[in-house]
Amino acid sequence: MATIIESISPEETFACGKKLGKMAQPGQILCLNGDLGVGKTVFTQGFAAGLGITEPVNSPTFTILQEYTRGRLPFYHFDVYRIADIEEMEEIGYEDCFYGSGVCLIEWAELIRELIPKEAIQIRIEKDLERGFEYRRISVEHAVKAKLG
């Protein structure tokens, strides 16, 4: 089941990310998807602020991974937009980040879908120009773990 948040400004998108950052738990993986220019970086900056990270946060488009260790939890920020081969993720040691004690946020996560654990939180940011240039629809879907027996 998805939670829908409507944002009418970059400040509100930042605030949404910050709220999720404050609630983040060790081992969580957040998959952030949406077209170019929808506010993924603004959302991520808010998320980092919610973790208590004060250093500048930008998309690591050319490095794939940026690590921040001065917050409440280690924060691993992936931007896989320019990934050419899934093996690049193995080369940077993604498993240490995915299954460690920090929290991961992956921009363009749909490009590495086969590596994403089922329990990852799926976030999609979409524009709706009929509702205004700054309007964003942010959908947050928490995976539901099935109970056996």
N, C-alpha and C. Protein backbone atom coordinates (compact mmCIF):
# COMPACT_ATOMS: atom_id res chain seq x y z
N MET A 1 0.84 -1.18 0.00
CA MET A 1 0.00 0.00 0.00
C MET A 1 0.89 1.24 0.00
N ALA A 2 0.54 2.20 -0.82
CA ALA A 2 1.36 3.39 -0.98
C ALA A 2 0.77 4.57 -0.21
N THR A 3 1.66 5.39 0.31
CA THR A 3 1.29 6.67 0.90
C THR A 3 1.57 7.72 -0.16
N ILE A 4 0.61 8.60 -0.40
CA ILE A 4 0.77 9.65 -1.41
C ILE A 4 0.94 10.98 -0.69
N ILE A 5 1.99 11.70 -1.06
CA ILE A 5 2.25 13.04 -0.53
C ILE A 5 2.24 14.00 -1.71
N GLU A 6 1.52 15.08 -1.59
CA GLU A 6 1.50 16.09 -2.64
C GLU A 6 2.37 17.26 -2.20
N SER A 7 3.26 17.67 -3.08
CA SER A 7 4.17 18.77 -2.82
C SER A 7 3.92 19.86 -3.87
N ILE A 8 3.89 21.09 -3.42
CA ILE A 8 3.70 22.20 -4.37
C ILE A 8 4.93 23.11 -4.45
N SER A 9 6.05 22.64 -3.83
CA SER A 9 7.27 23.45 -3.89
C SER A 9 8.48 22.57 -3.59
N PRO A 10 9.66 23.00 -4.01
CA PRO A 10 10.87 22.26 -3.66
C PRO A 10 11.04 22.16 -2.14
N GLU A 11 10.62 23.19 -1.41
CA GLU A 11 10.74 23.18 0.05
C GLU A 11 9.89 22.05 0.66
N GLU A 12 8.71 21.83 0.09
CA GLU A 12 7.86 20.74 0.59
C GLU A 12 8.44 19.38 0.22
N THR A 13 9.04 19.27 -0.96
CA THR A 13 9.69 18.02 -1.36
C THR A 13 10.86 17.73 -0.42
N PHE A 14 11.64 18.75 -0.10
CA PHE A 14 12.75 18.63 0.86
C PHE A 14 12.21 18.17 2.21
N ALA A 15 11.13 18.78 2.67
CA ALA A 15 10.54 18.45 3.97
C ALA A 15 10.06 17.00 4.01
N CYS A 16 9.51 16.52 2.91
CA CYS A 16 9.07 15.13 2.82
C CYS A 16 10.26 14.19 2.98
N GLY A 17 11.34 14.48 2.27
CA GLY A 17 12.56 13.69 2.39
C GLY A 17 13.11 13.74 3.81
N LYS A 18 13.08 14.92 4.42
CA LYS A 18 13.61 15.08 5.78
C LYS A 18 12.82 14.24 6.77
N LYS A 19 11.51 14.23 6.62
CA LYS A 19 10.66 13.43 7.51
C LYS A 19 11.02 11.95 7.42
N LEU A 20 11.20 11.45 6.18
CA LEU A 20 11.59 10.05 6.01
C LEU A 20 12.99 9.78 6.56
N GLY A 21 13.89 10.75 6.41
CA GLY A 21 15.24 10.60 6.96
C GLY A 21 15.22 10.48 8.47
N LYS A 22 14.35 11.22 9.12
CA LYS A 22 14.24 11.14 10.59
C LYS A 22 13.73 9.78 11.05
N MET A 23 12.94 9.13 10.20
CA MET A 23 12.37 7.82 10.55
C MET A 23 13.23 6.65 10.08
N ALA A 24 14.27 6.91 9.32
CA ALA A 24 15.09 5.85 8.72
C ALA A 24 15.71 4.95 9.79
N GLN A 25 15.79 3.67 9.44
CA GLN A 25 16.35 2.66 10.34
C GLN A 25 17.55 1.99 9.67
N PRO A 26 18.48 1.46 10.47
CA PRO A 26 19.62 0.75 9.90
C PRO A 26 19.16 -0.39 8.99
N GLY A 27 19.82 -0.53 7.86
CA GLY A 27 19.52 -1.60 6.92
C GLY A 27 18.44 -1.28 5.91
N GLN A 28 17.80 -0.12 6.02
CA GLN A 28 16.76 0.22 5.05
C GLN A 28 17.36 0.60 3.71
N ILE A 29 16.62 0.26 2.66
CA ILE A 29 16.98 0.64 1.30
C ILE A 29 15.78 1.36 0.72
N LEU A 30 16.01 2.57 0.23
CA LEU A 30 14.96 3.35 -0.40
C LEU A 30 15.30 3.49 -1.88
N CYS A 31 14.36 3.13 -2.73
CA CYS A 31 14.53 3.21 -4.17
C CYS A 31 13.78 4.43 -4.66
N LEU A 32 14.49 5.38 -5.23
CA LEU A 32 13.92 6.66 -5.64
C LEU A 32 13.90 6.74 -7.16
N ASN A 33 12.69 6.79 -7.72
CA ASN A 33 12.53 6.82 -9.16
C ASN A 33 11.69 8.01 -9.59
N GLY A 34 11.90 8.44 -10.81
CA GLY A 34 11.17 9.55 -11.39
C GLY A 34 11.98 10.12 -12.54
N ASP A 35 11.30 10.86 -13.40
CA ASP A 35 11.96 11.44 -14.56
C ASP A 35 13.00 12.48 -14.16
N LEU A 36 13.84 12.85 -15.11
CA LEU A 36 14.79 13.93 -14.89
C LEU A 36 14.04 15.20 -14.49
N GLY A 37 14.57 15.89 -13.49
CA GLY A 37 14.02 17.18 -13.10
C GLY A 37 12.80 17.15 -12.21
N VAL A 38 12.47 15.99 -11.62
CA VAL A 38 11.29 15.94 -10.75
C VAL A 38 11.59 16.30 -9.31
N GLY A 39 12.87 16.35 -8.94
CA GLY A 39 13.21 16.71 -7.56
C GLY A 39 13.82 15.60 -6.74
N LYS A 40 14.38 14.59 -7.39
CA LYS A 40 15.01 13.49 -6.65
C LYS A 40 16.16 13.99 -5.78
N THR A 41 16.95 14.90 -6.30
CA THR A 41 18.08 15.41 -5.53
C THR A 41 17.59 16.25 -4.35
N VAL A 42 16.58 17.07 -4.56
CA VAL A 42 16.01 17.87 -3.46
C VAL A 42 15.47 16.95 -2.37
N PHE A 43 14.75 15.92 -2.77
CA PHE A 43 14.22 14.93 -1.83
C PHE A 43 15.37 14.30 -1.05
N THR A 44 16.43 13.90 -1.76
CA THR A 44 17.59 13.26 -1.14
C THR A 44 18.29 14.20 -0.17
N GLN A 45 18.40 15.46 -0.51
CA GLN A 45 19.01 16.44 0.39
C GLN A 45 18.19 16.54 1.68
N GLY A 46 16.87 16.52 1.55
CA GLY A 46 16.02 16.52 2.73
C GLY A 46 16.21 15.26 3.56
N PHE A 47 16.29 14.12 2.89
CA PHE A 47 16.51 12.84 3.58
C PHE A 47 17.80 12.90 4.39
N ALA A 48 18.86 13.39 3.77
CA ALA A 48 20.14 13.51 4.47
C ALA A 48 20.02 14.44 5.67
N ALA A 49 19.31 15.55 5.51
CA ALA A 49 19.10 16.48 6.63
C ALA A 49 18.37 15.77 7.77
N GLY A 50 17.41 14.92 7.44
CA GLY A 50 16.69 14.15 8.45
C GLY A 50 17.58 13.18 9.19
N LEU A 51 18.67 12.76 8.57
CA LEU A 51 19.65 11.90 9.21
C LEU A 51 20.68 12.71 10.02
N GLY A 52 20.57 14.03 9.96
CA GLY A 52 21.52 14.87 10.69
C GLY A 52 22.79 15.16 9.92
N ILE A 53 22.78 14.94 8.63
CA ILE A 53 23.96 15.21 7.80
C ILE A 53 23.94 16.68 7.40
N THR A 54 25.03 17.38 7.69
CA THR A 54 25.08 18.81 7.43
C THR A 54 25.95 19.17 6.23
N GLU A 55 26.74 18.22 5.75
CA GLU A 55 27.59 18.52 4.59
C GLU A 55 26.74 18.55 3.32
N PRO A 56 27.22 19.21 2.27
CA PRO A 56 26.46 19.29 1.02
C PRO A 56 26.20 17.90 0.42
N VAL A 57 24.99 17.70 -0.08
CA VAL A 57 24.60 16.43 -0.70
C VAL A 57 24.18 16.73 -2.13
N ASN A 58 24.87 16.11 -3.07
CA ASN A 58 24.54 16.24 -4.49
C ASN A 58 24.49 14.85 -5.09
N SER A 59 23.85 14.73 -6.24
CA SER A 59 23.79 13.42 -6.88
C SER A 59 25.18 12.98 -7.32
N PRO A 60 25.54 11.75 -6.96
CA PRO A 60 26.86 11.24 -7.34
C PRO A 60 26.83 10.61 -8.73
N THR A 61 26.29 11.34 -9.70
CA THR A 61 26.05 10.80 -11.03
C THR A 61 27.29 10.18 -11.66
N PHE A 62 28.44 10.78 -11.48
CA PHE A 62 29.63 10.26 -12.15
C PHE A 62 30.43 9.30 -11.28
N THR A 63 30.14 9.24 -9.99
CA THR A 63 30.85 8.33 -9.10
C THR A 63 29.98 7.16 -8.66
N ILE A 64 28.70 7.19 -8.96
CA ILE A 64 27.69 6.19 -8.61
C ILE A 64 27.35 6.19 -7.12
N LEU A 65 28.34 6.29 -6.24
CA LEU A 65 28.09 6.20 -4.80
C LEU A 65 28.78 7.33 -4.06
N GLN A 66 28.04 7.94 -3.16
CA GLN A 66 28.59 8.93 -2.24
C GLN A 66 28.24 8.45 -0.83
N GLU A 67 29.24 8.42 0.05
CA GLU A 67 29.02 7.97 1.43
C GLU A 67 29.10 9.16 2.38
N TYR A 68 28.17 9.17 3.34
CA TYR A 68 28.14 10.20 4.37
C TYR A 68 28.12 9.48 5.72
N THR A 69 29.08 9.80 6.58
CA THR A 69 29.20 9.08 7.85
C THR A 69 29.01 9.96 9.07
N ARG A 70 28.68 11.22 8.87
CA ARG A 70 28.58 12.13 10.01
C ARG A 70 27.15 12.41 10.45
N GLY A 71 26.25 11.51 10.16
CA GLY A 71 24.87 11.66 10.58
C GLY A 71 24.50 10.61 11.61
N ARG A 72 23.23 10.50 11.88
CA ARG A 72 22.71 9.53 12.85
C ARG A 72 23.01 8.10 12.42
N LEU A 73 23.01 7.86 11.11
CA LEU A 73 23.34 6.56 10.52
C LEU A 73 24.26 6.79 9.33
N PRO A 74 25.09 5.82 8.99
CA PRO A 74 25.82 5.95 7.73
C PRO A 74 24.80 6.03 6.58
N PHE A 75 25.05 6.90 5.64
CA PHE A 75 24.13 7.12 4.52
C PHE A 75 24.87 6.86 3.23
N TYR A 76 24.34 5.93 2.43
CA TYR A 76 24.92 5.56 1.15
C TYR A 76 23.97 6.04 0.05
N HIS A 77 24.42 7.03 -0.69
CA HIS A 77 23.60 7.65 -1.73
C HIS A 77 24.11 7.18 -3.09
N PHE A 78 23.30 6.38 -3.76
CA PHE A 78 23.63 5.86 -5.07
C PHE A 78 22.87 6.65 -6.14
N ASP A 79 23.51 6.89 -7.25
CA ASP A 79 22.84 7.40 -8.45
C ASP A 79 23.31 6.50 -9.58
N VAL A 80 22.43 5.61 -10.01
CA VAL A 80 22.83 4.60 -10.99
C VAL A 80 22.41 4.95 -12.42
N TYR A 81 22.08 6.22 -12.64
CA TYR A 81 21.61 6.66 -13.96
C TYR A 81 22.59 6.31 -15.08
N ARG A 82 23.87 6.46 -14.82
CA ARG A 82 24.88 6.25 -15.86
C ARG A 82 25.53 4.87 -15.80
N ILE A 83 24.97 3.97 -15.02
CA ILE A 83 25.58 2.64 -14.92
C ILE A 83 25.43 1.92 -16.27
N ALA A 84 26.52 1.38 -16.75
CA ALA A 84 26.51 0.72 -18.06
C ALA A 84 26.29 -0.78 -17.93
N ASP A 85 26.77 -1.34 -16.83
CA ASP A 85 26.69 -2.78 -16.64
C ASP A 85 26.46 -3.05 -15.16
N ILE A 86 25.59 -3.97 -14.84
CA ILE A 86 25.25 -4.29 -13.46
C ILE A 86 26.49 -4.69 -12.66
N GLU A 87 27.52 -5.20 -13.34
CA GLU A 87 28.76 -5.60 -12.66
C GLU A 87 29.46 -4.40 -12.01
N GLU A 88 29.18 -3.20 -12.49
CA GLU A 88 29.75 -2.00 -11.86
C GLU A 88 29.32 -1.90 -10.40
N MET A 89 28.11 -2.35 -10.11
CA MET A 89 27.63 -2.32 -8.73
C MET A 89 28.46 -3.25 -7.85
N GLU A 90 28.83 -4.39 -8.38
CA GLU A 90 29.67 -5.33 -7.63
C GLU A 90 31.05 -4.74 -7.40
N GLU A 91 31.57 -4.04 -8.40
CA GLU A 91 32.89 -3.44 -8.29
C GLU A 91 32.96 -2.38 -7.20
N ILE A 92 31.86 -1.68 -6.96
CA ILE A 92 31.88 -0.65 -5.91
C ILE A 92 31.46 -1.22 -4.55
N GLY A 93 31.16 -2.52 -4.49
CA GLY A 93 30.83 -3.15 -3.22
C GLY A 93 29.45 -2.81 -2.69
N TYR A 94 28.46 -2.81 -3.57
CA TYR A 94 27.12 -2.42 -3.17
C TYR A 94 26.57 -3.26 -2.02
N GLU A 95 26.95 -4.55 -1.96
CA GLU A 95 26.40 -5.43 -0.92
C GLU A 95 26.77 -4.96 0.48
N ASP A 96 27.97 -4.41 0.64
CA ASP A 96 28.37 -3.88 1.95
C ASP A 96 27.44 -2.76 2.38
N CYS A 97 26.99 -1.97 1.43
CA CYS A 97 26.07 -0.86 1.73
C CYS A 97 24.65 -1.37 1.94
N PHE A 98 24.18 -2.22 1.04
CA PHE A 98 22.81 -2.74 1.10
C PHE A 98 22.56 -3.51 2.39
N TYR A 99 23.56 -4.27 2.84
CA TYR A 99 23.35 -5.19 3.96
C TYR A 99 24.17 -4.80 5.19
N GLY A 100 24.53 -3.52 5.29
CA GLY A 100 25.29 -3.04 6.43
C GLY A 100 24.39 -2.36 7.45
N SER A 101 24.98 -1.53 8.28
CA SER A 101 24.25 -0.89 9.38
C SER A 101 23.77 0.52 9.02
N GLY A 102 23.97 0.91 7.77
CA GLY A 102 23.53 2.24 7.35
C GLY A 102 22.21 2.17 6.61
N VAL A 103 21.90 3.26 5.92
CA VAL A 103 20.69 3.35 5.11
C VAL A 103 21.11 3.74 3.69
N CYS A 104 20.46 3.12 2.70
CA CYS A 104 20.78 3.39 1.29
C CYS A 104 19.62 4.11 0.62
N LEU A 105 19.94 5.07 -0.19
CA LEU A 105 18.96 5.69 -1.07
C LEU A 105 19.52 5.59 -2.48
N ILE A 106 18.73 5.00 -3.37
CA ILE A 106 19.21 4.72 -4.73
C ILE A 106 18.36 5.48 -5.74
N GLU A 107 18.96 6.49 -6.38
CA GLU A 107 18.27 7.19 -7.46
C GLU A 107 18.36 6.35 -8.72
N TRP A 108 17.25 6.30 -9.47
CA TRP A 108 17.13 5.52 -10.70
C TRP A 108 17.22 4.02 -10.41
N ALA A 109 16.70 3.59 -9.28
CA ALA A 109 16.81 2.20 -8.83
C ALA A 109 16.23 1.20 -9.82
N GLU A 110 15.27 1.62 -10.65
CA GLU A 110 14.68 0.68 -11.61
C GLU A 110 15.73 0.13 -12.57
N LEU A 111 16.86 0.83 -12.72
CA LEU A 111 17.91 0.37 -13.63
C LEU A 111 18.70 -0.81 -13.08
N ILE A 112 18.60 -1.04 -11.78
CA ILE A 112 19.29 -2.19 -11.16
C ILE A 112 18.28 -3.06 -10.42
N ARG A 113 17.09 -3.12 -10.94
CA ARG A 113 15.96 -3.82 -10.31
C ARG A 113 16.34 -5.20 -9.77
N GLU A 114 17.15 -5.95 -10.52
CA GLU A 114 17.47 -7.32 -10.12
C GLU A 114 18.31 -7.40 -8.85
N LEU A 115 18.93 -6.30 -8.43
CA LEU A 115 19.74 -6.30 -7.22
C LEU A 115 18.97 -5.83 -5.98
N ILE A 116 17.79 -5.28 -6.18
CA ILE A 116 17.05 -4.65 -5.09
C ILE A 116 16.30 -5.70 -4.26
N PRO A 117 16.52 -5.72 -2.94
CA PRO A 117 15.78 -6.65 -2.08
C PRO A 117 14.28 -6.33 -2.09
N LYS A 118 13.48 -7.37 -1.91
CA LYS A 118 12.02 -7.21 -1.95
C LYS A 118 11.50 -6.25 -0.88
N GLU A 119 12.20 -6.16 0.24
CA GLU A 119 11.71 -5.31 1.34
C GLU A 119 12.09 -3.84 1.18
N ALA A 120 12.70 -3.48 0.09
CA ALA A 120 13.07 -2.08 -0.14
C ALA A 120 11.83 -1.19 -0.22
N ILE A 121 11.99 0.04 0.21
CA ILE A 121 10.92 1.04 0.14
C ILE A 121 10.98 1.69 -1.24
N GLN A 122 9.87 1.69 -1.93
CA GLN A 122 9.81 2.24 -3.29
C GLN A 122 9.22 3.66 -3.23
N ILE A 123 9.94 4.62 -3.78
CA ILE A 123 9.48 6.01 -3.81
C ILE A 123 9.48 6.48 -5.26
N ARG A 124 8.39 7.06 -5.68
CA ARG A 124 8.29 7.60 -7.04
C ARG A 124 7.85 9.05 -6.93
N ILE A 125 8.56 9.93 -7.64
CA ILE A 125 8.19 11.35 -7.71
C ILE A 125 7.75 11.63 -9.14
N GLU A 126 6.56 12.23 -9.26
CA GLU A 126 6.01 12.52 -10.58
C GLU A 126 5.51 13.96 -10.64
N LYS A 127 5.66 14.54 -11.82
CA LYS A 127 5.09 15.87 -12.09
C LYS A 127 3.67 15.71 -12.60
N ASP A 128 2.88 16.76 -12.43
CA ASP A 128 1.57 16.86 -13.07
C ASP A 128 1.41 18.33 -13.43
N LEU A 129 1.80 18.67 -14.65
CA LEU A 129 1.82 20.08 -15.06
C LEU A 129 0.43 20.70 -15.04
N GLU A 130 -0.61 19.90 -15.13
CA GLU A 130 -1.96 20.46 -15.02
C GLU A 130 -2.23 21.00 -13.62
N ARG A 131 -1.49 20.52 -12.63
CA ARG A 131 -1.65 20.98 -11.25
C ARG A 131 -0.65 22.08 -10.91
N GLY A 132 0.23 22.43 -11.84
CA GLY A 132 1.20 23.49 -11.61
C GLY A 132 2.61 23.03 -11.90
N PHE A 133 3.48 23.96 -12.23
CA PHE A 133 4.86 23.66 -12.59
C PHE A 133 5.63 23.02 -11.43
N GLU A 134 5.36 23.45 -10.20
CA GLU A 134 6.10 22.96 -9.03
C GLU A 134 5.43 21.75 -8.38
N TYR A 135 4.24 21.37 -8.82
CA TYR A 135 3.52 20.27 -8.19
C TYR A 135 4.26 18.95 -8.38
N ARG A 136 4.35 18.17 -7.30
CA ARG A 136 4.93 16.83 -7.33
C ARG A 136 4.03 15.88 -6.55
N ARG A 137 3.87 14.70 -7.10
CA ARG A 137 3.16 13.62 -6.41
C ARG A 137 4.23 12.63 -5.98
N ILE A 138 4.38 12.44 -4.67
CA ILE A 138 5.39 11.55 -4.12
C ILE A 138 4.68 10.33 -3.55
N SER A 139 4.97 9.20 -4.12
CA SER A 139 4.36 7.94 -3.71
C SER A 139 5.40 7.12 -2.96
N VAL A 140 5.08 6.72 -1.73
CA VAL A 140 5.99 5.93 -0.90
C VAL A 140 5.32 4.59 -0.62
N GLU A 141 5.93 3.54 -1.11
CA GLU A 141 5.37 2.21 -0.94
C GLU A 141 6.28 1.36 -0.08
N HIS A 142 5.78 0.98 1.07
CA HIS A 142 6.52 0.12 1.98
C HIS A 142 6.22 -1.33 1.66
N ALA A 143 7.25 -2.12 1.55
CA ALA A 143 7.05 -3.54 1.27
C ALA A 143 6.41 -4.19 2.49
N VAL A 144 5.51 -5.09 2.23
CA VAL A 144 4.86 -5.82 3.31
C VAL A 144 5.46 -7.22 3.35
N LYS A 145 6.01 -7.56 4.48
CA LYS A 145 6.61 -8.89 4.62
C LYS A 145 5.51 -9.89 4.94
N ALA A 146 5.46 -10.93 4.16
CA ALA A 146 4.44 -11.96 4.37
C ALA A 146 4.80 -12.78 5.61
N LYS A 147 3.78 -13.12 6.39
CA LYS A 147 3.98 -13.97 7.56
C LYS A 147 3.68 -15.40 7.18
N LEU A 148 4.60 -16.26 7.46
CA LEU A 148 4.42 -17.67 7.12
C LEU A 148 3.86 -18.41 8.33
N GLY A 149 2.98 -19.38 8.06
CA GLY A 149 2.44 -20.24 9.10
C GLY A 149 1.52 -19.48 9.97
